[in-house]
Amino acid sequence: MTLAKPEHEWMTSFVHKRFLPLQIRLELLEQDKEIFPGISTIIVSGHTPGQMALVIASSGEQLLSLGDVITHPIHLEEPERYIESDCQPEQDVRTKLSWKSGVLSAYTPPP
C-alpha cells in the first residue's frame, strides 16, 4: 500500500492487523471483477488505496455505488477538488475525472 501523505501511514498497520488475517475467509480483489451475476466491482483508488465501488446491473439499467469517491456535491462540478482525508489526492482526482456523467453518491442529493 502506497500512501501519498505520511499522516495516513497508520492505515498500513491497521490494514495488516485487522484485514489481512481475514484473507483465509475472503477473496481479496486487486482488479475489477464480477462477483455475482449483475454485480461487479471496479477499482476507484484515491480516497483510500484499493477502494472499490460496485456496479449493479438489472433489466438493462445500472447503479454505480461509489462510496467515498464523491464526498461532496461540488466534486461533480469540480472533480479536481479533493479533501484533506484523501490518502492519494492525485489519484483521487484522476478517479473522479474518469466518471463523465450519471454518478450518484451517498453525499449527493437525489436528482
C-alpha atoms as a PDB file:
ATOM      1  CA  MET A   1       0.000   0.000   0.000  1.00  0.00           C
ATOM      2  CA  THR A   2       1.474   3.352  -1.042  1.00  0.00           C
ATOM      3  CA  LEU A   3       0.157   6.472   0.635  1.00  0.00           C
ATOM      4  CA  ALA A   4       0.902   9.975  -0.582  1.00  0.00           C
ATOM      5  CA  LYS A   5       0.539  11.519   2.857  1.00  0.00           C
ATOM      6  CA  PRO A   6       2.726  10.425   5.792  1.00  0.00           C
ATOM      7  CA  GLU A   7      -0.098  11.194   8.239  1.00  0.00           C
ATOM      8  CA  HIS A   8      -2.061   8.294   6.739  1.00  0.00           C
ATOM      9  CA  GLU A   9       0.671   5.698   7.323  1.00  0.00           C
ATOM     10  CA  TRP A  10      -1.250   4.388  10.347  1.00  0.00           C
ATOM     11  CA  MET A  11      -3.591   2.762   7.815  1.00  0.00           C
ATOM     12  CA  THR A  12      -0.910   0.329   6.732  1.00  0.00           C
ATOM     13  CA  SER A  13      -0.555  -1.213  10.177  1.00  0.00           C
ATOM     14  CA  PHE A  14      -4.327  -1.085  10.705  1.00  0.00           C
ATOM     15  CA  VAL A  15      -4.979  -2.994   7.485  1.00  0.00           C
ATOM     16  CA  HIS A  16      -2.243  -5.517   8.210  1.00  0.00           C
ATOM     17  CA  LYS A  17      -3.526  -6.128  11.724  1.00  0.00           C
ATOM     18  CA  ARG A  18      -7.292  -6.087  11.086  1.00  0.00           C
ATOM     19  CA  PHE A  19      -7.894  -7.151   7.498  1.00  0.00           C
ATOM     20  CA  LEU A  20      -5.057  -9.370   6.338  1.00  0.00           C
ATOM     21  CA  PRO A  21      -5.975 -12.111   8.858  1.00  0.00           C
ATOM     22  CA  LEU A  22      -9.333 -12.320   7.064  1.00  0.00           C
ATOM     23  CA  GLN A  23      -7.619 -13.457   3.849  1.00  0.00           C
ATOM     24  CA  ILE A  24      -8.351 -17.075   4.673  1.00  0.00           C
ATOM     25  CA  ARG A  25     -12.097 -16.286   4.591  1.00  0.00           C
ATOM     26  CA  LEU A  26     -12.200 -13.650   1.868  1.00  0.00           C
ATOM     27  CA  GLU A  27     -11.110 -13.282  -1.696  1.00  0.00           C
ATOM     28  CA  LEU A  28      -9.121 -10.046  -1.808  1.00  0.00           C
ATOM     29  CA  LEU A  29      -9.619  -8.355  -5.162  1.00  0.00           C
ATOM     30  CA  GLU A  30      -6.921  -6.437  -6.986  1.00  0.00           C
ATOM     31  CA  GLN A  31      -8.829  -5.776 -10.204  1.00  0.00           C
ATOM     32  CA  ASP A  32     -12.349  -5.255 -11.497  1.00  0.00           C
ATOM     33  CA  LYS A  33     -14.417  -8.409 -11.235  1.00  0.00           C
ATOM     34  CA  GLU A  34     -17.990  -9.667 -11.495  1.00  0.00           C
ATOM     35  CA  ILE A  35     -18.608 -11.092  -8.009  1.00  0.00           C
ATOM     36  CA  PHE A  36     -22.216 -12.224  -8.609  1.00  0.00           C
ATOM     37  CA  PRO A  37     -24.329 -12.161 -11.752  1.00  0.00           C
ATOM     38  CA  GLY A  38     -25.135  -8.478 -12.302  1.00  0.00           C
ATOM     39  CA  ILE A  39     -22.816  -7.208  -9.541  1.00  0.00           C
ATOM     40  CA  SER A  40     -19.296  -6.108 -10.422  1.00  0.00           C
ATOM     41  CA  THR A  41     -16.516  -4.328  -8.572  1.00  0.00           C
ATOM     42  CA  ILE A  42     -14.416  -1.544 -10.040  1.00  0.00           C
ATOM     43  CA  ILE A  43     -11.257  -0.053  -8.563  1.00  0.00           C
ATOM     44  CA  VAL A  44     -11.673   3.606  -7.571  1.00  0.00           C
ATOM     45  CA  SER A  45      -8.493   4.300  -5.586  1.00  0.00           C
ATOM     46  CA  GLY A  46      -7.707   7.771  -4.346  1.00  0.00           C
ATOM     47  CA  HIS A  47      -9.719   8.442  -1.228  1.00  0.00           C
ATOM     48  CA  THR A  48      -8.224   5.229   0.115  1.00  0.00           C
ATOM     49  CA  PRO A  49      -5.795   2.843  -1.630  1.00  0.00           C
ATOM     50  CA  GLY A  50      -7.543  -0.087  -3.258  1.00  0.00           C
ATOM     51  CA  GLN A  51     -11.009   1.343  -2.724  1.00  0.00           C
ATOM     52  CA  MET A  52     -13.642  -0.381  -4.809  1.00  0.00           C
ATOM     53  CA  ALA A  53     -17.086   0.595  -5.990  1.00  0.00           C
ATOM     54  CA  LEU A  54     -19.973  -1.590  -7.069  1.00  0.00           C
ATOM     55  CA  VAL A  55     -21.803  -1.643 -10.376  1.00  0.00           C
ATOM     56  CA  ILE A  56     -25.203  -3.300 -10.053  1.00  0.00           C
ATOM     57  CA  ALA A  57     -26.964  -4.149 -13.307  1.00  0.00           C
ATOM     58  CA  SER A  58     -30.542  -5.316 -13.745  1.00  0.00           C
ATOM     59  CA  SER A  59     -33.118  -5.121 -16.533  1.00  0.00           C
ATOM     60  CA  GLY A  60     -30.837  -3.046 -18.749  1.00  0.00           C
ATOM     61  CA  GLU A  61     -30.118  -0.410 -16.085  1.00  0.00           C
ATOM     62  CA  GLN A  62     -27.049   0.148 -13.915  1.00  0.00           C
ATOM     63  CA  LEU A  63     -26.447   1.610 -10.480  1.00  0.00           C
ATOM     64  CA  LEU A  64     -22.945   2.798  -9.640  1.00  0.00           C
ATOM     65  CA  SER A  65     -22.245   2.883  -5.900  1.00  0.00           C
ATOM     66  CA  LEU A  66     -19.096   4.971  -5.470  1.00  0.00           C
ATOM     67  CA  GLY A  67     -18.808   5.183  -1.701  1.00  0.00           C
ATOM     68  CA  ASP A  68     -16.353   7.945  -0.760  1.00  0.00           C
ATOM     69  CA  VAL A  69     -15.174   8.823  -4.275  1.00  0.00           C
ATOM     70  CA  ILE A  70     -17.589  11.767  -4.355  1.00  0.00           C
ATOM     71  CA  THR A  71     -17.570  13.169  -0.810  1.00  0.00           C
ATOM     72  CA  HIS A  72     -19.323  16.450  -1.601  1.00  0.00           C
ATOM     73  CA  PRO A  73     -21.691  17.591  -4.391  1.00  0.00           C
ATOM     74  CA  ILE A  74     -19.050  20.112  -5.558  1.00  0.00           C
ATOM     75  CA  HIS A  75     -16.948  17.165  -6.764  1.00  0.00           C
ATOM     76  CA  LEU A  76     -19.496  16.541  -9.525  1.00  0.00           C
ATOM     77  CA  GLU A  77     -18.930  20.039 -10.906  1.00  0.00           C
ATOM     78  CA  GLU A  78     -15.271  20.386  -9.955  1.00  0.00           C
ATOM     79  CA  PRO A  79     -13.737  16.894  -9.818  1.00  0.00           C
ATOM     80  CA  GLU A  80     -10.225  18.319  -9.472  1.00  0.00           C
ATOM     81  CA  ARG A  81     -11.033  19.259  -5.872  1.00  0.00           C
ATOM     82  CA  TYR A  82     -10.077  16.829  -3.128  1.00  0.00           C
ATOM     83  CA  ILE A  83     -10.444  16.705   0.630  1.00  0.00           C
ATOM     84  CA  GLU A  84      -7.851  16.548   3.387  1.00  0.00           C
ATOM     85  CA  SER A  85      -8.666  12.921   4.216  1.00  0.00           C
ATOM     86  CA  ASP A  86      -7.954  11.678   0.666  1.00  0.00           C
ATOM     87  CA  CYS A  87      -4.924   9.412   1.063  1.00  0.00           C
ATOM     88  CA  GLN A  88      -3.843   9.750  -2.563  1.00  0.00           C
ATOM     89  CA  PRO A  89      -5.141  13.160  -3.730  1.00  0.00           C
ATOM     90  CA  GLU A  90      -3.700  12.973  -7.262  1.00  0.00           C
ATOM     91  CA  GLN A  91      -5.198   9.519  -7.816  1.00  0.00           C
ATOM     92  CA  ASP A  92      -8.475  10.697  -6.290  1.00  0.00           C
ATOM     93  CA  VAL A  93      -8.701  13.487  -8.885  1.00  0.00           C
ATOM     94  CA  ARG A  94      -7.872  11.064 -11.739  1.00  0.00           C
ATOM     95  CA  THR A  95     -10.569   8.680 -10.489  1.00  0.00           C
ATOM     96  CA  LYS A  96     -13.200  11.435 -10.324  1.00  0.00           C
ATOM     97  CA  LEU A  97     -12.256  12.748 -13.766  1.00  0.00           C
ATOM     98  CA  SER A  98     -12.750   9.271 -15.231  1.00  0.00           C
ATOM     99  CA  TRP A  99     -16.508   9.461 -14.473  1.00  0.00           C
ATOM    100  CA  LYS A 100     -18.270  11.608 -17.047  1.00  0.00           C
ATOM    101  CA  SER A 101     -21.931  11.555 -16.012  1.00  0.00           C
ATOM    102  CA  GLY A 102     -24.629   9.645 -14.198  1.00  0.00           C
ATOM    103  CA  VAL A 103     -22.719   9.479 -10.929  1.00  0.00           C
ATOM    104  CA  LEU A 104     -24.502   9.458  -7.595  1.00  0.00           C
ATOM    105  CA  SER A 105     -23.037   9.051  -4.157  1.00  0.00           C
ATOM    106  CA  ALA A 106     -24.227   8.930  -0.568  1.00  0.00           C
ATOM    107  CA  TYR A 107     -23.043  12.526  -0.245  1.00  0.00           C
ATOM    108  CA  THR A 108     -25.044  13.951  -3.139  1.00  0.00           C
ATOM    109  CA  PRO A 109     -28.699  14.981  -3.025  1.00  0.00           C
ATOM    110  CA  PRO A 110     -31.109  12.831  -5.045  1.00  0.00           C
ATOM    111  CA  PRO A 111     -31.910  14.080  -8.567  1.00  0.00           C
END
